[in-house]
Amino acid sequence: MATYDRDLQAAVDATSVAHDAGTAEDLESYLRQQLAEREIETNDDAWLTYVVEQIRADPNYMIDREPEDFEKRHRR
């Protein structure tokens, strides 16, 4: 089983919770905001779209890949 950055997963989890609660209309923007709060920036729009689709399909979605431009400096 692969492991991915915990801050990435936390941002995805927060977005999933907001989706379930109905408090976020634009999930891509919400996910971007959650990433920014964790000091993660990405220009990988395909990754953002993919993650949002996965969240809509499975509220317990665990990331299975990182954004293409994700830098190792974010790892802890």
N, C-alpha and C. Protein backbone atom coordinates (compact mmCIF):
# COMPACT_ATOMS: atom_id res chain seq x y z
N MET A 1 0.85 -1.18 0.00
CA MET A 1 0.00 0.00 0.00
C MET A 1 0.89 1.24 0.00
N ALA A 2 0.63 2.11 -0.92
CA ALA A 2 1.40 3.35 -1.02
C ALA A 2 0.97 4.32 0.08
N THR A 3 1.87 5.18 0.46
CA THR A 3 1.53 6.23 1.43
C THR A 3 1.72 7.58 0.76
N TYR A 4 0.89 8.53 1.14
CA TYR A 4 0.94 9.86 0.57
C TYR A 4 0.95 10.89 1.69
N ASP A 5 1.30 12.09 1.35
CA ASP A 5 1.44 13.17 2.30
C ASP A 5 0.18 13.35 3.14
N ARG A 6 0.36 13.45 4.44
CA ARG A 6 -0.79 13.55 5.34
C ARG A 6 -1.53 14.87 5.18
N ASP A 7 -0.82 15.95 4.82
CA ASP A 7 -1.50 17.22 4.62
C ASP A 7 -2.38 17.19 3.37
N LEU A 8 -1.93 16.49 2.33
CA LEU A 8 -2.78 16.31 1.15
C LEU A 8 -4.05 15.57 1.53
N GLN A 9 -3.90 14.49 2.28
CA GLN A 9 -5.07 13.70 2.69
C GLN A 9 -5.98 14.52 3.59
N ALA A 10 -5.41 15.31 4.48
CA ALA A 10 -6.24 16.13 5.37
C ALA A 10 -7.06 17.14 4.59
N ALA A 11 -6.47 17.72 3.55
CA ALA A 11 -7.21 18.67 2.70
C ALA A 11 -8.34 17.96 1.97
N VAL A 12 -8.07 16.75 1.49
CA VAL A 12 -9.10 15.96 0.81
C VAL A 12 -10.20 15.57 1.80
N ASP A 13 -9.82 15.17 2.99
CA ASP A 13 -10.81 14.80 4.01
C ASP A 13 -11.71 15.98 4.36
N ALA A 14 -11.12 17.16 4.54
CA ALA A 14 -11.90 18.35 4.87
C ALA A 14 -12.87 18.69 3.74
N THR A 15 -12.43 18.51 2.52
CA THR A 15 -13.29 18.77 1.37
C THR A 15 -14.43 17.76 1.32
N SER A 16 -14.14 16.53 1.64
CA SER A 16 -15.17 15.49 1.66
C SER A 16 -16.22 15.80 2.74
N VAL A 17 -15.78 16.24 3.89
CA VAL A 17 -16.70 16.58 4.97
C VAL A 17 -17.59 17.75 4.55
N ALA A 18 -17.00 18.76 3.92
CA ALA A 18 -17.77 19.92 3.45
C ALA A 18 -18.78 19.49 2.39
N HIS A 19 -18.37 18.57 1.53
CA HIS A 19 -19.28 18.06 0.51
C HIS A 19 -20.46 17.34 1.17
N ASP A 20 -20.17 16.46 2.11
CA ASP A 20 -21.22 15.71 2.81
C ASP A 20 -22.18 16.63 3.56
N ALA A 21 -21.62 17.70 4.13
CA ALA A 21 -22.43 18.64 4.90
C ALA A 21 -23.17 19.64 4.01
N GLY A 22 -22.79 19.67 2.75
CA GLY A 22 -23.43 20.61 1.82
C GLY A 22 -22.99 22.04 2.00
N THR A 23 -21.81 22.24 2.59
CA THR A 23 -21.34 23.60 2.87
C THR A 23 -20.39 24.14 1.81
N ALA A 24 -20.06 23.34 0.82
CA ALA A 24 -19.16 23.80 -0.24
C ALA A 24 -19.80 23.51 -1.59
N GLU A 25 -20.11 24.57 -2.32
CA GLU A 25 -20.71 24.40 -3.64
C GLU A 25 -19.66 24.08 -4.70
N ASP A 26 -18.55 24.80 -4.67
CA ASP A 26 -17.47 24.61 -5.63
C ASP A 26 -16.36 23.81 -4.95
N LEU A 27 -16.40 22.50 -5.12
CA LEU A 27 -15.46 21.64 -4.40
C LEU A 27 -14.01 21.85 -4.84
N GLU A 28 -13.77 22.17 -6.10
CA GLU A 28 -12.39 22.42 -6.53
C GLU A 28 -11.81 23.64 -5.83
N SER A 29 -12.59 24.69 -5.73
CA SER A 29 -12.13 25.90 -5.03
C SER A 29 -11.94 25.61 -3.55
N TYR A 30 -12.85 24.85 -2.99
CA TYR A 30 -12.75 24.50 -1.57
C TYR A 30 -11.49 23.67 -1.32
N LEU A 31 -11.23 22.70 -2.19
CA LEU A 31 -10.03 21.87 -2.05
C LEU A 31 -8.78 22.73 -2.18
N ARG A 32 -8.77 23.64 -3.13
CA ARG A 32 -7.62 24.54 -3.30
C ARG A 32 -7.39 25.36 -2.03
N GLN A 33 -8.48 25.83 -1.42
CA GLN A 33 -8.38 26.60 -0.18
C GLN A 33 -7.81 25.72 0.94
N GLN A 34 -8.29 24.50 1.03
CA GLN A 34 -7.79 23.59 2.06
C GLN A 34 -6.30 23.30 1.86
N LEU A 35 -5.88 23.15 0.63
CA LEU A 35 -4.46 22.94 0.34
C LEU A 35 -3.65 24.17 0.75
N ALA A 36 -4.15 25.35 0.42
CA ALA A 36 -3.45 26.59 0.75
C ALA A 36 -3.29 26.75 2.26
N GLU A 37 -4.32 26.36 3.01
CA GLU A 37 -4.23 26.43 4.47
C GLU A 37 -3.11 25.54 5.01
N ARG A 38 -2.75 24.55 4.23
CA ARG A 38 -1.68 23.63 4.63
C ARG A 38 -0.38 23.94 3.89
N GLU A 39 -0.34 25.14 3.29
CA GLU A 39 0.83 25.63 2.56
C GLU A 39 1.23 24.73 1.41
N ILE A 40 0.22 24.20 0.72
CA ILE A 40 0.44 23.37 -0.47
C ILE A 40 -0.16 24.10 -1.66
N GLU A 41 0.64 24.28 -2.68
CA GLU A 41 0.16 24.90 -3.91
C GLU A 41 0.31 23.90 -5.04
N THR A 42 -0.65 23.92 -5.95
CA THR A 42 -0.55 23.06 -7.12
C THR A 42 -1.20 23.74 -8.32
N ASN A 43 -0.64 23.51 -9.47
CA ASN A 43 -1.23 23.95 -10.73
C ASN A 43 -1.76 22.77 -11.51
N ASP A 44 -1.81 21.62 -10.86
CA ASP A 44 -2.26 20.39 -11.51
C ASP A 44 -3.79 20.32 -11.45
N ASP A 45 -4.43 21.04 -12.40
CA ASP A 45 -5.88 21.08 -12.42
C ASP A 45 -6.50 19.71 -12.66
N ALA A 46 -5.82 18.86 -13.42
CA ALA A 46 -6.33 17.52 -13.66
C ALA A 46 -6.41 16.74 -12.35
N TRP A 47 -5.43 16.91 -11.47
CA TRP A 47 -5.44 16.24 -10.17
C TRP A 47 -6.61 16.74 -9.34
N LEU A 48 -6.81 18.06 -9.31
CA LEU A 48 -7.92 18.63 -8.54
C LEU A 48 -9.26 18.09 -9.03
N THR A 49 -9.44 18.08 -10.34
CA THR A 49 -10.69 17.57 -10.92
C THR A 49 -10.88 16.10 -10.57
N TYR A 50 -9.83 15.32 -10.70
CA TYR A 50 -9.87 13.89 -10.39
C TYR A 50 -10.27 13.67 -8.92
N VAL A 51 -9.64 14.41 -8.02
CA VAL A 51 -9.92 14.23 -6.60
C VAL A 51 -11.37 14.59 -6.29
N VAL A 52 -11.85 15.67 -6.85
CA VAL A 52 -13.25 16.06 -6.61
C VAL A 52 -14.20 14.98 -7.13
N GLU A 53 -13.91 14.42 -8.29
CA GLU A 53 -14.74 13.33 -8.82
C GLU A 53 -14.73 12.13 -7.87
N GLN A 54 -13.56 11.83 -7.32
CA GLN A 54 -13.45 10.71 -6.40
C GLN A 54 -14.20 10.97 -5.10
N ILE A 55 -14.15 12.21 -4.61
CA ILE A 55 -14.88 12.57 -3.39
C ILE A 55 -16.38 12.41 -3.62
N ARG A 56 -16.85 12.83 -4.77
CA ARG A 56 -18.29 12.70 -5.07
C ARG A 56 -18.71 11.24 -5.16
N ALA A 57 -17.82 10.40 -5.64
CA ALA A 57 -18.13 8.97 -5.78
C ALA A 57 -17.98 8.21 -4.47
N ASP A 58 -17.06 8.65 -3.62
CA ASP A 58 -16.76 7.92 -2.39
C ASP A 58 -16.38 8.92 -1.29
N PRO A 59 -17.25 9.16 -0.32
CA PRO A 59 -16.95 10.13 0.72
C PRO A 59 -15.75 9.74 1.60
N ASN A 60 -15.33 8.50 1.52
CA ASN A 60 -14.17 8.03 2.29
C ASN A 60 -12.92 7.91 1.42
N TYR A 61 -12.89 8.65 0.33
CA TYR A 61 -11.79 8.55 -0.63
C TYR A 61 -10.44 8.83 0.02
N MET A 62 -9.50 7.93 -0.22
CA MET A 62 -8.11 8.08 0.20
C MET A 62 -7.30 8.35 -1.07
N ILE A 63 -6.47 9.40 -1.03
CA ILE A 63 -5.74 9.75 -2.24
C ILE A 63 -4.90 8.58 -2.72
N ASP A 64 -4.81 8.47 -4.03
CA ASP A 64 -4.03 7.39 -4.63
C ASP A 64 -2.91 7.91 -5.53
N ARG A 65 -2.77 9.23 -5.54
CA ARG A 65 -1.65 9.86 -6.25
C ARG A 65 -1.56 11.31 -5.80
N GLU A 66 -0.40 11.89 -6.03
CA GLU A 66 -0.17 13.28 -5.67
C GLU A 66 -0.22 14.14 -6.92
N PRO A 67 -0.42 15.46 -6.75
CA PRO A 67 -0.36 16.34 -7.92
C PRO A 67 1.00 16.22 -8.61
N GLU A 68 1.02 16.40 -9.91
CA GLU A 68 2.27 16.27 -10.67
C GLU A 68 3.34 17.23 -10.18
N ASP A 69 2.94 18.41 -9.72
CA ASP A 69 3.92 19.41 -9.29
C ASP A 69 4.13 19.43 -7.77
N PHE A 70 3.68 18.38 -7.10
CA PHE A 70 3.86 18.31 -5.64
C PHE A 70 5.34 18.14 -5.34
N GLU A 71 5.83 19.00 -4.49
CA GLU A 71 7.25 18.98 -4.16
C GLU A 71 7.49 18.23 -2.86
N LYS A 72 8.60 17.54 -2.81
CA LYS A 72 8.94 16.74 -1.64
C LYS A 72 9.09 17.61 -0.39
N ARG A 73 9.37 18.90 -0.55
CA ARG A 73 9.58 19.76 0.64
C ARG A 73 8.34 19.83 1.51
N HIS A 74 7.20 19.46 0.97
CA HIS A 74 5.97 19.47 1.75
C HIS A 74 5.86 18.24 2.64
N ARG A 75 6.65 17.24 2.39
CA ARG A 75 6.57 16.01 3.19
C ARG A 75 7.13 16.25 4.58
N ARG A 76 6.50 15.59 5.53
CA ARG A 76 6.98 15.74 6.93
C ARG A 76 7.26 14.41 7.51
